[in-house]
Amino acid sequence: MTRKILCVAPVIAILLQLCPGGSATAASPGDSGAIGTTFPDRFPVIRNFYLGQPVIGFGSDVGRVEHVPIIFLHGNNDTPFPTACNPFGRMQAFAQFFINHGYRASELWGLGYQGDQCDLAQDNTHRSGISHTTATAVPMLREFVKAVLDFTGAKRIDIVAHSLGVTVAREWMLQDNAYRKVRALVAIDGPNHGIVDCSPNPANVYQLPSGGGFTPHSALCDEYGSDHTQLLSVLNGAGETPGPTRYLVIRNKPGTPDFVYNSLPDGTLPGVPAEDRDGKAHDFTASAALAGAETIDLVGQGQFDPVLATAHLGILNSPATRDATLRFLTSLPGRADQEGDN
């Protein structure tokens, strides 16, 4: 089912310290302060072996866990909060929105599976390299989910993911048959059927080192350069919305600017040919769709990206996106301490 929400806007990178049963430091809903940039002291250290350092992210032991905890997953070339090398990092603000609407800090967790992005200053092609792939991210997500469940005492989680984070979540769920651990997945503009940035056409600026090195056989393009890569063929062939997990897709309306999926200029970024990594004409504009998911289409989202004015990044910051996510998750049955089928 698709709901059309037209947010017409002026014209303006990709991708808890809890006792069993969910008890923690006393706090009232909506009274848990600000989302931070660290994990609680006794939260397990999870390492990013490609970067040789622990993952970054946020979480808290403040407040009793009653809501199903949410894990926030950013997209490619992003971070869970702004860093010295990345001005984006809007997942932190997304989580703060949930605190402002009744959640506690102990129920909100963010995973930074690509570090602080400072390695890009040495080699910009890391944007499309092995350290930024789904294959690299899934083991970190697996370990992180286990740590959050153990730490909070919750039986399952919700996931709010943007761009590459969507397919990282879906691939982990498939590999581990983890659908009973995930009550809901909110999939914000994810590359479920490939991206437009991997063609060999000379007009594809993203294949240049300055554009991230998205050449046809770069590691990320091996995963997403067409709708029939090995990763996507297996992932989508298994079913795009397996239950009991519930799904909400929030995407830029097909045919409107989105630098990951179509040939239109998106904010300050140029358009590229609508081709796959084999150089064949291909329409990626509906890539963010998931068959069987409730879907919300938005337009004019570039106004919410204050850096590049892109719809692909702006949709993560959009009030419409945050409102829809909150309504969807709070409408679902079940508490943190409950197992069950949705």
Foldseek 3Di string as FASTA:
>chain_A
DEDEDEPDDDQFDFFAQADAPQHAAADFFLGADAWDWAEDPPQDFDPQVVVGGTWTKTAYHHHGAWAFAEEEAETQLEFCCQDPQRRANCVRVLVNVNSNVGHHRNRYMYTGQLHNNPVCVVFLLVSLAPSRALVSRLVRVVVVLVSSCVRRNFQAHEYEYAECRQLSVLVNCVVVVCQLRYQEYEYEAYQLQAWQQAAPDPQNPCCDRVNNNNYCPHNNNLQGQGRCRPNNVVSPVVAQDDDLYAYEYEYAQQPAFDQGFAQPAFQQRHGGACAGNHRHHDHRSCSSDGPPHYYYHYPPQLVQPPPRSGNSSSCVRDPVNSVVVVVVSVVDDDIRHDGDGD
